[in-house]
Amino acid sequence: CGEDTIEIPEIDKLSKAAAMTRALVPVRLTSADVRFMRLALDMTGREFAEAMELAPETVSRWENSGRGIGGYSEKLLRHNICALLHAQVPAVEYDPADITKMRFVGVPEDFEMAPLEFRRVVFKENHEVEETWDRMAA
């Protein structure tokens, strides 16, 4: 037919790698980032609120308002995202201290974050080999 098709292998693992990587970038999270991270965890808003011990209205506000979520809550959210995804995204390096020491950069209105680039890698852990996603060096 003259059409090209692009296939992304294991796109669910790519979204998990992207969510975890985004949690490790010290630029303030947007509402879209919070929603993307929740979806990468395969959780509904209610499930996510319950896991985070929050009111569902709080998660909804984080995902739908442009106000941000505050420093303490944002760090806690990032810690939880990384903790929940770490076993599923073995190639992305994660040290909880990185988030603890993180100082957030504000986001001006016209700001566009540089795209995150990923590549397929072979990862070996505990004598098991897995093909997975890793972030390319910036």
Protein backbone atom coordinates (compact mmCIF):
# COMPACT_ATOMS: atom_id res chain seq x y z
CA CYS A 1 0.00 0.00 0.00
CA GLY A 2 3.03 2.27 0.19
CA GLU A 3 2.48 2.90 3.90
CA ASP A 4 5.17 2.56 6.52
CA THR A 5 4.37 1.12 9.91
CA ILE A 6 6.45 1.75 13.00
CA GLU A 7 6.33 -0.82 15.73
CA ILE A 8 7.65 -0.10 19.21
CA PRO A 9 8.50 -3.30 21.07
CA GLU A 10 7.13 -3.57 24.60
CA ILE A 11 5.69 -0.08 24.66
CA ASP A 12 4.38 -0.66 28.20
CA LYS A 13 7.97 -1.16 29.40
CA LEU A 14 9.01 1.97 27.50
CA SER A 15 6.31 4.00 29.24
CA LYS A 16 7.47 2.66 32.62
CA ALA A 17 11.09 3.57 31.79
CA ALA A 18 9.98 7.04 30.68
CA ALA A 19 7.93 7.58 33.85
CA MET A 20 10.78 6.53 36.10
CA THR A 21 13.30 8.61 34.14
CA ARG A 22 11.01 11.65 34.30
CA ALA A 23 10.74 11.21 38.07
CA LEU A 24 14.54 11.51 38.23
CA VAL A 25 14.68 14.80 36.25
CA PRO A 26 14.55 17.77 38.68
CA VAL A 27 12.15 19.86 36.59
CA ARG A 28 8.83 20.41 38.37
CA LEU A 29 6.17 17.88 37.43
CA THR A 30 3.25 19.06 35.34
CA SER A 31 -0.29 17.75 35.63
CA ALA A 32 0.35 15.71 32.47
CA ASP A 33 3.49 14.20 34.05
CA VAL A 34 1.55 13.06 37.12
CA ARG A 35 -1.16 11.49 34.95
CA PHE A 36 1.45 9.79 32.75
CA MET A 37 3.21 8.34 35.79
CA ARG A 38 -0.05 7.01 37.21
CA LEU A 39 -0.91 5.40 33.87
CA ALA A 40 2.58 3.87 33.66
CA LEU A 41 1.73 2.13 36.94
CA ASP A 42 -1.46 0.77 35.32
CA MET A 43 -3.56 2.33 38.07
CA THR A 44 -6.86 4.15 38.04
CA GLY A 45 -7.01 7.47 39.85
CA ARG A 46 -8.78 5.80 42.75
CA GLU A 47 -6.20 2.98 42.96
CA PHE A 48 -3.36 5.49 42.81
CA ALA A 49 -4.95 7.63 45.54
CA GLU A 50 -5.37 4.58 47.74
CA ALA A 51 -1.76 3.45 47.18
CA MET A 52 -0.50 6.94 48.03
CA GLU A 53 -2.97 7.27 50.97
CA LEU A 54 -4.53 10.34 49.39
CA ALA A 55 -8.08 11.45 48.73
CA PRO A 56 -9.06 10.75 45.10
CA GLU A 57 -9.84 14.46 44.80
CA THR A 58 -6.18 15.25 45.54
CA VAL A 59 -4.97 13.04 42.69
CA SER A 60 -7.58 14.57 40.41
CA ARG A 61 -6.41 18.07 41.35
CA TRP A 62 -2.76 17.12 40.73
CA GLU A 63 -3.67 15.76 37.29
CA ASN A 64 -6.06 18.49 36.20
CA SER A 65 -4.91 21.79 37.66
CA GLY A 66 -1.88 23.70 36.51
CA ARG A 67 -0.83 24.65 40.04
CA GLY A 68 1.68 21.89 40.78
CA ILE A 69 1.74 19.69 43.84
CA GLY A 70 4.24 21.23 46.26
CA GLY A 71 7.80 20.23 47.09
CA TYR A 72 7.20 17.66 49.84
CA SER A 73 4.40 15.90 47.97
CA GLU A 74 6.35 15.99 44.72
CA LYS A 75 9.37 14.30 46.30
CA LEU A 76 7.16 11.67 47.91
CA LEU A 77 5.42 11.04 44.59
CA ARG A 78 8.77 10.68 42.80
CA HIS A 79 10.07 8.27 45.48
CA ASN A 80 6.93 6.15 45.21
CA ILE A 81 6.96 6.07 41.40
CA CYS A 82 10.60 4.96 41.33
CA ALA A 83 10.12 2.42 44.13
CA LEU A 84 7.12 0.85 42.38
CA LEU A 85 8.73 0.79 38.92
CA HIS A 86 12.34 -0.01 39.81
CA ALA A 87 11.98 -3.80 39.60
CA GLN A 88 10.20 -3.49 36.23
CA VAL A 89 12.77 -1.07 34.77
CA PRO A 90 16.10 -2.65 35.73
CA ALA A 91 18.28 -0.69 33.29
CA VAL A 92 17.38 2.74 34.70
CA GLU A 93 19.70 3.53 37.60
CA TYR A 94 17.90 4.69 40.71
CA ASP A 95 19.32 5.93 43.99
CA PRO A 96 16.66 7.22 46.41
CA ALA A 97 19.17 9.75 47.72
CA ASP A 98 19.08 11.49 44.32
CA ILE A 99 15.44 12.41 44.87
CA THR A 100 15.99 13.29 48.52
CA LYS A 101 18.71 15.79 47.54
CA MET A 102 16.83 17.05 44.48
CA ARG A 103 16.19 20.79 44.09
CA PHE A 104 13.40 21.45 41.63
CA VAL A 105 13.72 23.81 38.72
CA GLY A 106 10.63 25.92 38.08
CA VAL A 107 8.91 25.71 34.73
CA PRO A 108 8.41 29.02 32.86
CA GLU A 109 5.29 29.16 30.70
CA ASP A 110 7.18 28.85 27.41
CA PHE A 111 9.51 26.09 28.72
CA GLU A 112 9.90 22.89 26.73
CA MET A 113 11.86 20.11 28.34
CA ALA A 114 14.34 18.36 26.07
CA PRO A 115 12.96 15.04 24.82
CA LEU A 116 13.96 11.93 26.71
CA GLU A 117 15.61 9.43 24.36
CA PHE A 118 15.63 5.70 25.00
CA ARG A 119 17.27 2.66 23.42
CA ARG A 120 16.78 -1.08 23.67
CA VAL A 121 19.48 -2.77 25.73
CA VAL A 122 20.29 -6.25 26.93
CA PHE A 123 20.31 -6.29 30.71
CA LYS A 124 21.72 -9.14 32.77
CA GLU A 125 20.88 -9.58 36.45
CA ASN A 126 21.02 -12.69 38.63
CA HIS A 127 22.08 -14.80 35.64
CA GLU A 128 18.98 -13.80 33.69
CA VAL A 129 19.15 -11.83 30.46
CA GLU A 130 16.37 -9.44 29.57
CA GLU A 131 15.91 -7.04 26.69
CA THR A 132 14.63 -3.77 28.11
CA TRP A 133 14.63 0.01 27.73
CA ASP A 134 17.32 2.39 28.98
CA ARG A 135 17.65 6.13 28.71
CA MET A 136 20.29 7.35 26.29
CA ALA A 137 22.94 9.61 27.78
CA ALA A 138 21.99 13.28 27.57
